[in-house]
mmCIF file of all heavy atoms, coordinates in Angstrom:
data_MODEL
# 
_entry.id   MODEL 
# 
loop_
_atom_site.group_PDB 
_atom_site.id 
_atom_site.type_symbol 
_atom_site.label_atom_id 
_atom_site.label_alt_id 
_atom_site.label_comp_id 
_atom_site.label_asym_id 
_atom_site.label_entity_id 
_atom_site.label_seq_id 
_atom_site.pdbx_PDB_ins_code 
_atom_site.Cartn_x 
_atom_site.Cartn_y 
_atom_site.Cartn_z 
_atom_site.occupancy 
_atom_site.B_iso_or_equiv 
_atom_site.pdbx_formal_charge 
_atom_site.auth_seq_id 
_atom_site.auth_comp_id 
_atom_site.auth_asym_id 
_atom_site.auth_atom_id 
_atom_site.pdbx_PDB_model_num 
ATOM 1   N N   . VAL A 1 1  ? 160.695 126.496 78.373 1.00 0.00 ? 1  VAL A N   1 
ATOM 2   C CA  . VAL A 1 1  ? 161.295 125.310 79.049 1.00 0.00 ? 1  VAL A CA  1 
ATOM 3   C C   . VAL A 1 1  ? 160.348 124.912 80.188 1.00 0.00 ? 1  VAL A C   1 
ATOM 4   O O   . VAL A 1 1  ? 160.121 123.681 80.289 1.00 0.00 ? 1  VAL A O   1 
ATOM 5   C CB  . VAL A 1 1  ? 162.617 125.718 79.589 1.00 0.00 ? 1  VAL A CB  1 
ATOM 6   C CG1 . VAL A 1 1  ? 163.138 124.625 80.502 1.00 0.00 ? 1  VAL A CG1 1 
ATOM 7   C CG2 . VAL A 1 1  ? 163.688 125.970 78.390 1.00 0.00 ? 1  VAL A CG2 1 
ATOM 8   N N   . LEU A 1 2  ? 159.775 125.841 80.944 1.00 0.00 ? 2  LEU A N   1 
ATOM 9   C CA  . LEU A 1 2  ? 158.893 125.422 82.061 1.00 0.00 ? 2  LEU A CA  1 
ATOM 10  C C   . LEU A 1 2  ? 157.648 124.743 81.552 1.00 0.00 ? 2  LEU A C   1 
ATOM 11  O O   . LEU A 1 2  ? 157.135 123.776 82.114 1.00 0.00 ? 2  LEU A O   1 
ATOM 12  C CB  . LEU A 1 2  ? 158.607 126.602 82.906 1.00 0.00 ? 2  LEU A CB  1 
ATOM 13  C CG  . LEU A 1 2  ? 159.475 126.868 84.128 1.00 0.00 ? 2  LEU A CG  1 
ATOM 14  C CD1 . LEU A 1 2  ? 159.279 125.865 85.209 1.00 0.00 ? 2  LEU A CD1 1 
ATOM 15  C CD2 . LEU A 1 2  ? 160.935 126.991 83.728 1.00 0.00 ? 2  LEU A CD2 1 
ATOM 16  N N   . ASP A 1 3  ? 157.068 125.302 80.465 1.00 0.00 ? 3  ASP A N   1 
ATOM 17  C CA  . ASP A 1 3  ? 155.784 124.770 79.930 1.00 0.00 ? 3  ASP A CA  1 
ATOM 18  C C   . ASP A 1 3  ? 155.932 123.314 79.422 1.00 0.00 ? 3  ASP A C   1 
ATOM 19  O O   . ASP A 1 3  ? 155.072 122.515 79.635 1.00 0.00 ? 3  ASP A O   1 
ATOM 20  C CB  . ASP A 1 3  ? 155.211 125.664 78.885 1.00 0.00 ? 3  ASP A CB  1 
ATOM 21  C CG  . ASP A 1 3  ? 153.773 125.374 78.635 1.00 0.00 ? 3  ASP A CG  1 
ATOM 22  O OD1 . ASP A 1 3  ? 153.095 124.837 79.541 1.00 0.00 ? 3  ASP A OD1 1 
ATOM 23  O OD2 . ASP A 1 3  ? 153.250 125.815 77.574 1.00 0.00 ? 3  ASP A OD2 1 
ATOM 24  N N   . ILE A 1 4  ? 157.025 123.079 78.693 1.00 0.00 ? 4  ILE A N   1 
ATOM 25  C CA  . ILE A 1 4  ? 157.240 121.761 78.217 1.00 0.00 ? 4  ILE A CA  1 
ATOM 26  C C   . ILE A 1 4  ? 157.728 120.781 79.318 1.00 0.00 ? 4  ILE A C   1 
ATOM 27  O O   . ILE A 1 4  ? 157.136 119.648 79.545 1.00 0.00 ? 4  ILE A O   1 
ATOM 28  C CB  . ILE A 1 4  ? 158.201 121.721 77.041 1.00 0.00 ? 4  ILE A CB  1 
ATOM 29  C CG1 . ILE A 1 4  ? 157.610 122.432 75.848 1.00 0.00 ? 4  ILE A CG1 1 
ATOM 30  C CG2 . ILE A 1 4  ? 158.615 120.279 76.661 1.00 0.00 ? 4  ILE A CG2 1 
ATOM 31  C CD1 . ILE A 1 4  ? 158.573 122.669 74.709 1.00 0.00 ? 4  ILE A CD1 1 
ATOM 32  N N   . SER A 1 5  ? 158.705 121.183 80.024 1.00 0.00 ? 5  SER A N   1 
ATOM 33  C CA  . SER A 1 5  ? 159.391 120.211 80.951 1.00 0.00 ? 5  SER A CA  1 
ATOM 34  C C   . SER A 1 5  ? 158.652 120.018 82.280 1.00 0.00 ? 5  SER A C   1 
ATOM 35  O O   . SER A 1 5  ? 158.649 118.845 82.772 1.00 0.00 ? 5  SER A O   1 
ATOM 36  C CB  . SER A 1 5  ? 160.772 120.696 81.275 1.00 0.00 ? 5  SER A CB  1 
ATOM 37  O OG  . SER A 1 5  ? 161.561 120.746 80.083 1.00 0.00 ? 5  SER A OG  1 
ATOM 38  N N   . LEU A 1 6  ? 157.979 121.052 82.789 1.00 0.00 ? 6  LEU A N   1 
ATOM 39  C CA  . LEU A 1 6  ? 157.250 120.900 84.068 1.00 0.00 ? 6  LEU A CA  1 
ATOM 40  C C   . LEU A 1 6  ? 155.776 120.873 83.870 1.00 0.00 ? 6  LEU A C   1 
ATOM 41  O O   . LEU A 1 6  ? 155.148 119.863 84.256 1.00 0.00 ? 6  LEU A O   1 
ATOM 42  C CB  . LEU A 1 6  ? 157.671 122.065 85.028 1.00 0.00 ? 6  LEU A CB  1 
ATOM 43  C CG  . LEU A 1 6  ? 156.917 122.083 86.369 1.00 0.00 ? 6  LEU A CG  1 
ATOM 44  C CD1 . LEU A 1 6  ? 157.088 120.773 87.119 1.00 0.00 ? 6  LEU A CD1 1 
ATOM 45  C CD2 . LEU A 1 6  ? 157.389 123.306 87.169 1.00 0.00 ? 6  LEU A CD2 1 
ATOM 46  N N   . THR A 1 7  ? 155.193 121.923 83.249 1.00 0.00 ? 7  THR A N   1 
ATOM 47  C CA  . THR A 1 7  ? 153.715 121.885 83.111 1.00 0.00 ? 7  THR A CA  1 
ATOM 48  C C   . THR A 1 7  ? 153.233 120.768 82.214 1.00 0.00 ? 7  THR A C   1 
ATOM 49  O O   . THR A 1 7  ? 152.240 120.249 82.402 1.00 0.00 ? 7  THR A O   1 
ATOM 50  C CB  . THR A 1 7  ? 153.265 123.276 82.578 1.00 0.00 ? 7  THR A CB  1 
ATOM 51  O OG1 . THR A 1 7  ? 153.881 124.272 83.411 1.00 0.00 ? 7  THR A OG1 1 
ATOM 52  C CG2 . THR A 1 7  ? 151.756 123.365 82.733 1.00 0.00 ? 7  THR A CG2 1 
ATOM 53  N N   . GLY A 1 8  ? 154.092 120.448 81.181 1.00 0.00 ? 8  GLY A N   1 
ATOM 54  C CA  . GLY A 1 8  ? 153.740 119.314 80.250 1.00 0.00 ? 8  GLY A CA  1 
ATOM 55  C C   . GLY A 1 8  ? 153.651 118.000 81.028 1.00 0.00 ? 8  GLY A C   1 
ATOM 56  O O   . GLY A 1 8  ? 152.816 117.185 80.820 1.00 0.00 ? 8  GLY A O   1 
ATOM 57  N N   . THR A 1 9  ? 154.630 117.874 81.909 1.00 0.00 ? 9  THR A N   1 
ATOM 58  C CA  . THR A 1 9  ? 154.661 116.677 82.766 1.00 0.00 ? 9  THR A CA  1 
ATOM 59  C C   . THR A 1 9  ? 153.371 116.623 83.664 1.00 0.00 ? 9  THR A C   1 
ATOM 60  O O   . THR A 1 9  ? 152.782 115.553 83.822 1.00 0.00 ? 9  THR A O   1 
ATOM 61  C CB  . THR A 1 9  ? 155.927 116.637 83.573 1.00 0.00 ? 9  THR A CB  1 
ATOM 62  O OG1 . THR A 1 9  ? 157.080 116.581 82.695 1.00 0.00 ? 9  THR A OG1 1 
ATOM 63  C CG2 . THR A 1 9  ? 155.947 115.343 84.510 1.00 0.00 ? 9  THR A CG2 1 
ATOM 64  N N   . PHE A 1 10 ? 153.053 117.787 84.236 1.00 0.00 ? 10 PHE A N   1 
ATOM 65  C CA  . PHE A 1 10 ? 151.875 117.860 85.104 1.00 0.00 ? 10 PHE A CA  1 
ATOM 66  C C   . PHE A 1 10 ? 150.610 117.474 84.289 1.00 0.00 ? 10 PHE A C   1 
ATOM 67  O O   . PHE A 1 10 ? 149.793 116.728 84.751 1.00 0.00 ? 10 PHE A O   1 
ATOM 68  C CB  . PHE A 1 10 ? 151.704 119.303 85.623 1.00 0.00 ? 10 PHE A CB  1 
ATOM 69  C CG  . PHE A 1 10 ? 150.288 119.691 85.930 1.00 0.00 ? 10 PHE A CG  1 
ATOM 70  C CD1 . PHE A 1 10 ? 149.582 119.158 87.017 1.00 0.00 ? 10 PHE A CD1 1 
ATOM 71  C CD2 . PHE A 1 10 ? 149.672 120.617 85.065 1.00 0.00 ? 10 PHE A CD2 1 
ATOM 72  C CE1 . PHE A 1 10 ? 148.259 119.532 87.278 1.00 0.00 ? 10 PHE A CE1 1 
ATOM 73  C CE2 . PHE A 1 10 ? 148.314 120.944 85.316 1.00 0.00 ? 10 PHE A CE2 1 
ATOM 74  C CZ  . PHE A 1 10 ? 147.658 120.403 86.414 1.00 0.00 ? 10 PHE A CZ  1 
ATOM 75  N N   . ARG A 1 11 ? 150.486 118.020 83.082 1.00 0.00 ? 11 ARG A N   1 
ATOM 76  C CA  . ARG A 1 11 ? 149.288 117.623 82.281 1.00 0.00 ? 11 ARG A CA  1 
ATOM 77  C C   . ARG A 1 11 ? 149.246 116.108 82.008 1.00 0.00 ? 11 ARG A C   1 
ATOM 78  O O   . ARG A 1 11 ? 148.098 115.543 82.063 1.00 0.00 ? 11 ARG A O   1 
ATOM 79  C CB  . ARG A 1 11 ? 149.398 118.328 80.883 1.00 0.00 ? 11 ARG A CB  1 
ATOM 80  C CG  . ARG A 1 11 ? 149.280 119.855 80.913 1.00 0.00 ? 11 ARG A CG  1 
ATOM 81  C CD  . ARG A 1 11 ? 149.209 120.478 79.513 1.00 0.00 ? 11 ARG A CD  1 
ATOM 82  N NE  . ARG A 1 11 ? 149.263 121.966 79.669 1.00 0.00 ? 11 ARG A NE  1 
ATOM 83  C CZ  . ARG A 1 11 ? 150.274 122.755 79.475 1.00 0.00 ? 11 ARG A CZ  1 
ATOM 84  N NH1 . ARG A 1 11 ? 151.485 122.146 79.222 1.00 0.00 ? 11 ARG A NH1 1 
ATOM 85  N NH2 . ARG A 1 11 ? 150.254 123.996 79.651 1.00 0.00 ? 11 ARG A NH2 1 
ATOM 86  N N   . CYS A 1 12 ? 150.405 115.468 81.775 1.00 0.00 ? 12 CYS A N   1 
ATOM 87  C CA  . CYS A 1 12 ? 150.404 114.103 81.505 1.00 0.00 ? 12 CYS A CA  1 
ATOM 88  C C   . CYS A 1 12 ? 150.048 113.276 82.804 1.00 0.00 ? 12 CYS A C   1 
ATOM 89  O O   . CYS A 1 12 ? 149.369 112.235 82.676 1.00 0.00 ? 12 CYS A O   1 
ATOM 90  C CB  . CYS A 1 12 ? 151.669 113.674 80.861 1.00 0.00 ? 12 CYS A CB  1 
ATOM 91  S SG  . CYS A 1 12 ? 151.925 114.282 79.232 1.00 0.00 ? 12 CYS A SG  1 
ATOM 92  N N   . VAL A 1 13 ? 150.600 113.694 83.928 1.00 0.00 ? 13 VAL A N   1 
ATOM 93  C CA  . VAL A 1 13 ? 150.324 113.011 85.193 1.00 0.00 ? 13 VAL A CA  1 
ATOM 94  C C   . VAL A 1 13 ? 148.816 113.142 85.547 1.00 0.00 ? 13 VAL A C   1 
ATOM 95  O O   . VAL A 1 13 ? 148.240 112.130 85.898 1.00 0.00 ? 13 VAL A O   1 
ATOM 96  C CB  . VAL A 1 13 ? 151.151 113.610 86.322 1.00 0.00 ? 13 VAL A CB  1 
ATOM 97  C CG1 . VAL A 1 13 ? 150.699 113.081 87.681 1.00 0.00 ? 13 VAL A CG1 1 
ATOM 98  C CG2 . VAL A 1 13 ? 152.631 113.340 86.139 1.00 0.00 ? 13 VAL A CG2 1 
ATOM 99  N N   . ARG A 1 14 ? 148.269 114.301 85.292 1.00 0.00 ? 14 ARG A N   1 
ATOM 100 C CA  . ARG A 1 14 ? 146.867 114.519 85.618 1.00 0.00 ? 14 ARG A CA  1 
ATOM 101 C C   . ARG A 1 14 ? 146.041 113.652 84.684 1.00 0.00 ? 14 ARG A C   1 
ATOM 102 O O   . ARG A 1 14 ? 145.083 113.005 85.191 1.00 0.00 ? 14 ARG A O   1 
ATOM 103 C CB  . ARG A 1 14 ? 146.494 115.990 85.437 1.00 0.00 ? 14 ARG A CB  1 
ATOM 104 C CG  . ARG A 1 14 ? 145.043 116.239 85.648 1.00 0.00 ? 14 ARG A CG  1 
ATOM 105 C CD  . ARG A 1 14 ? 144.731 117.790 85.478 1.00 0.00 ? 14 ARG A CD  1 
ATOM 106 N NE  . ARG A 1 14 ? 145.055 118.255 84.129 1.00 0.00 ? 14 ARG A NE  1 
ATOM 107 C CZ  . ARG A 1 14 ? 145.053 119.556 83.878 1.00 0.00 ? 14 ARG A CZ  1 
ATOM 108 N NH1 . ARG A 1 14 ? 144.713 120.487 84.740 1.00 0.00 ? 14 ARG A NH1 1 
ATOM 109 N NH2 . ARG A 1 14 ? 145.392 119.926 82.616 1.00 0.00 ? 14 ARG A NH2 1 
ATOM 110 N N   . ALA A 1 15 ? 146.280 113.682 83.368 1.00 0.00 ? 15 ALA A N   1 
ATOM 111 C CA  . ALA A 1 15 ? 145.443 112.968 82.443 1.00 0.00 ? 15 ALA A CA  1 
ATOM 112 C C   . ALA A 1 15 ? 145.554 111.402 82.690 1.00 0.00 ? 15 ALA A C   1 
ATOM 113 O O   . ALA A 1 15 ? 144.496 110.698 82.688 1.00 0.00 ? 15 ALA A O   1 
ATOM 114 C CB  . ALA A 1 15 ? 145.874 113.263 80.942 1.00 0.00 ? 15 ALA A CB  1 
ATOM 115 N N   . ALA A 1 16 ? 146.766 110.930 82.905 1.00 0.00 ? 16 ALA A N   1 
ATOM 116 C CA  . ALA A 1 16 ? 146.907 109.512 83.188 1.00 0.00 ? 16 ALA A CA  1 
ATOM 117 C C   . ALA A 1 16 ? 146.267 109.151 84.475 1.00 0.00 ? 16 ALA A C   1 
ATOM 118 O O   . ALA A 1 16 ? 145.590 108.075 84.539 1.00 0.00 ? 16 ALA A O   1 
ATOM 119 C CB  . ALA A 1 16 ? 148.377 109.129 83.122 1.00 0.00 ? 16 ALA A CB  1 
ATOM 120 N N   . GLY A 1 17 ? 146.478 110.006 85.527 1.00 0.00 ? 17 GLY A N   1 
ATOM 121 C CA  . GLY A 1 17 ? 145.893 109.678 86.804 1.00 0.00 ? 17 GLY A CA  1 
ATOM 122 C C   . GLY A 1 17 ? 144.405 109.569 86.719 1.00 0.00 ? 17 GLY A C   1 
ATOM 123 O O   . GLY A 1 17 ? 143.730 108.700 87.318 1.00 0.00 ? 17 GLY A O   1 
ATOM 124 N N   . GLN A 1 18 ? 143.758 110.513 86.071 1.00 0.00 ? 18 GLN A N   1 
ATOM 125 C CA  . GLN A 1 18 ? 142.314 110.552 85.955 1.00 0.00 ? 18 GLN A CA  1 
ATOM 126 C C   . GLN A 1 18 ? 141.800 109.286 85.282 1.00 0.00 ? 18 GLN A C   1 
ATOM 127 O O   . GLN A 1 18 ? 140.791 108.673 85.763 1.00 0.00 ? 18 GLN A O   1 
ATOM 128 C CB  . GLN A 1 18 ? 141.885 111.827 85.159 1.00 0.00 ? 18 GLN A CB  1 
ATOM 129 C CG  . GLN A 1 18 ? 142.061 113.114 85.896 1.00 0.00 ? 18 GLN A CG  1 
ATOM 130 C CD  . GLN A 1 18 ? 141.784 114.327 85.003 1.00 0.00 ? 18 GLN A CD  1 
ATOM 131 O OE1 . GLN A 1 18 ? 141.823 114.243 83.827 1.00 0.00 ? 18 GLN A OE1 1 
ATOM 132 N NE2 . GLN A 1 18 ? 141.556 115.440 85.671 1.00 0.00 ? 18 GLN A NE2 1 
ATOM 133 N N   . ARG A 1 19 ? 142.480 108.873 84.256 1.00 0.00 ? 19 ARG A N   1 
ATOM 134 C CA  . ARG A 1 19 ? 141.949 107.672 83.550 1.00 0.00 ? 19 ARG A CA  1 
ATOM 135 C C   . ARG A 1 19 ? 142.246 106.378 84.429 1.00 0.00 ? 19 ARG A C   1 
ATOM 136 O O   . ARG A 1 19 ? 141.357 105.486 84.374 1.00 0.00 ? 19 ARG A O   1 
ATOM 137 C CB  . ARG A 1 19 ? 142.630 107.577 82.207 1.00 0.00 ? 19 ARG A CB  1 
ATOM 138 C CG  . ARG A 1 19 ? 142.017 108.495 81.196 1.00 0.00 ? 19 ARG A CG  1 
ATOM 139 C CD  . ARG A 1 19 ? 142.958 108.816 80.003 1.00 0.00 ? 19 ARG A CD  1 
ATOM 140 N NE  . ARG A 1 19 ? 142.359 109.718 79.043 1.00 0.00 ? 19 ARG A NE  1 
ATOM 141 C CZ  . ARG A 1 19 ? 142.163 111.002 79.205 1.00 0.00 ? 19 ARG A CZ  1 
ATOM 142 N NH1 . ARG A 1 19 ? 142.515 111.626 80.362 1.00 0.00 ? 19 ARG A NH1 1 
ATOM 143 N NH2 . ARG A 1 19 ? 141.570 111.737 78.316 1.00 0.00 ? 19 ARG A NH2 1 
ATOM 144 N N   . MET A 1 20 ? 143.323 106.330 85.097 1.00 0.00 ? 20 MET A N   1 
ATOM 145 C CA  . MET A 1 20 ? 143.512 105.165 85.911 1.00 0.00 ? 20 MET A CA  1 
ATOM 146 C C   . MET A 1 20 ? 142.605 105.091 87.050 1.00 0.00 ? 20 MET A C   1 
ATOM 147 O O   . MET A 1 20 ? 141.973 104.035 87.385 1.00 0.00 ? 20 MET A O   1 
ATOM 148 C CB  . MET A 1 20 ? 144.993 105.241 86.528 1.00 0.00 ? 20 MET A CB  1 
ATOM 149 C CG  . MET A 1 20 ? 146.071 105.043 85.515 1.00 0.00 ? 20 MET A CG  1 
ATOM 150 S SD  . MET A 1 20 ? 147.703 105.358 86.195 1.00 0.00 ? 20 MET A SD  1 
ATOM 151 C CE  . MET A 1 20 ? 148.748 105.026 84.812 1.00 0.00 ? 20 MET A CE  1 
ATOM 152 N N   . VAL A 1 21 ? 142.249 106.200 87.703 1.00 0.00 ? 21 VAL A N   1 
ATOM 153 C CA  . VAL A 1 21 ? 141.256 106.190 88.761 1.00 0.00 ? 21 VAL A CA  1 
ATOM 154 C C   . VAL A 1 21 ? 139.866 105.829 88.247 1.00 0.00 ? 21 VAL A C   1 
ATOM 155 O O   . VAL A 1 21 ? 139.167 105.003 88.832 1.00 0.00 ? 21 VAL A O   1 
ATOM 156 C CB  . VAL A 1 21 ? 141.170 107.604 89.435 1.00 0.00 ? 21 VAL A CB  1 
ATOM 157 C CG1 . VAL A 1 21 ? 140.044 107.695 90.397 1.00 0.00 ? 21 VAL A CG1 1 
ATOM 158 C CG2 . VAL A 1 21 ? 142.522 107.900 90.193 1.00 0.00 ? 21 VAL A CG2 1 
ATOM 159 N N   . ALA A 1 22 ? 139.447 106.369 87.084 1.00 0.00 ? 22 ALA A N   1 
ATOM 160 C CA  . ALA A 1 22 ? 138.162 106.067 86.546 1.00 0.00 ? 22 ALA A CA  1 
ATOM 161 C C   . ALA A 1 22 ? 138.057 104.617 86.197 1.00 0.00 ? 22 ALA A C   1 
ATOM 162 O O   . ALA A 1 22 ? 136.998 103.982 86.300 1.00 0.00 ? 22 ALA A O   1 
ATOM 163 C CB  . ALA A 1 22 ? 137.951 106.915 85.290 1.00 0.00 ? 22 ALA A CB  1 
ATOM 164 N N   . ALA A 1 23 ? 139.146 104.011 85.733 1.00 0.00 ? 23 ALA A N   1 
ATOM 165 C CA  . ALA A 1 23 ? 139.103 102.583 85.401 1.00 0.00 ? 23 ALA A CA  1 
ATOM 166 C C   . ALA A 1 23 ? 139.334 101.654 86.553 1.00 0.00 ? 23 ALA A C   1 
ATOM 167 O O   . ALA A 1 23 ? 139.305 100.420 86.392 1.00 0.00 ? 23 ALA A O   1 
ATOM 168 C CB  . ALA A 1 23 ? 140.172 102.349 84.286 1.00 0.00 ? 23 ALA A CB  1 
ATOM 169 N N   . GLY A 1 24 ? 139.706 102.197 87.671 1.00 0.00 ? 24 GLY A N   1 
ATOM 170 C CA  . GLY A 1 24 ? 140.019 101.385 88.827 1.00 0.00 ? 24 GLY A CA  1 
ATOM 171 C C   . GLY A 1 24 ? 141.357 100.670 88.696 1.00 0.00 ? 24 GLY A C   1 
ATOM 172 O O   . GLY A 1 24 ? 141.506 99.560  89.294 1.00 0.00 ? 24 GLY A O   1 
ATOM 173 N N   . LYS A 1 25 ? 142.317 101.253 87.913 1.00 0.00 ? 25 LYS A N   1 
ATOM 174 C CA  . LYS A 1 25 ? 143.566 100.594 87.682 1.00 0.00 ? 25 LYS A CA  1 
ATOM 175 C C   . LYS A 1 25 ? 144.606 101.006 88.668 1.00 0.00 ? 25 LYS A C   1 
ATOM 176 O O   . LYS A 1 25 ? 144.775 102.275 88.940 1.00 0.00 ? 25 LYS A O   1 
ATOM 177 C CB  . LYS A 1 25 ? 144.063 100.931 86.258 1.00 0.00 ? 25 LYS A CB  1 
ATOM 178 C CG  . LYS A 1 25 ? 143.275 100.181 85.143 1.00 0.00 ? 25 LYS A CG  1 
ATOM 179 C CD  . LYS A 1 25 ? 144.056 100.261 83.816 1.00 0.00 ? 25 LYS A CD  1 
ATOM 180 C CE  . LYS A 1 25 ? 143.348 99.481  82.761 1.00 0.00 ? 25 LYS A CE  1 
ATOM 181 N NZ  . LYS A 1 25 ? 144.212 99.409  81.555 1.00 0.00 ? 25 LYS A NZ  1 
ATOM 182 N N   . LYS A 1 26 ? 145.353 100.090 89.215 1.00 0.00 ? 26 LYS A N   1 
ATOM 183 C CA  . LYS A 1 26 ? 146.511 100.441 90.114 1.00 0.00 ? 26 LYS A CA  1 
ATOM 184 C C   . LYS A 1 26 ? 147.687 100.656 89.197 1.00 0.00 ? 26 LYS A C   1 
ATOM 185 O O   . LYS A 1 26 ? 148.603 99.771  89.116 1.00 0.00 ? 26 LYS A O   1 
ATOM 186 C CB  . LYS A 1 26 ? 146.648 99.361  91.112 1.00 0.00 ? 26 LYS A CB  1 
ATOM 187 C CG  . LYS A 1 26 ? 145.493 99.155  92.023 1.00 0.00 ? 26 LYS A CG  1 
ATOM 188 C CD  . LYS A 1 26 ? 145.706 98.061  93.072 1.00 0.00 ? 26 LYS A CD  1 
ATOM 189 C CE  . LYS A 1 26 ? 144.478 97.796  93.865 1.00 0.00 ? 26 LYS A CE  1 
ATOM 190 N NZ  . LYS A 1 26 ? 143.960 99.029  94.630 1.00 0.00 ? 26 LYS A NZ  1 
# 
């Protein structure tokens, strides 16, 4: 439950954040 609901959310926040920062997207 923790890996999907919490850590999975973390993985997606990190991945999306990295791409947005790299592209200069707000």
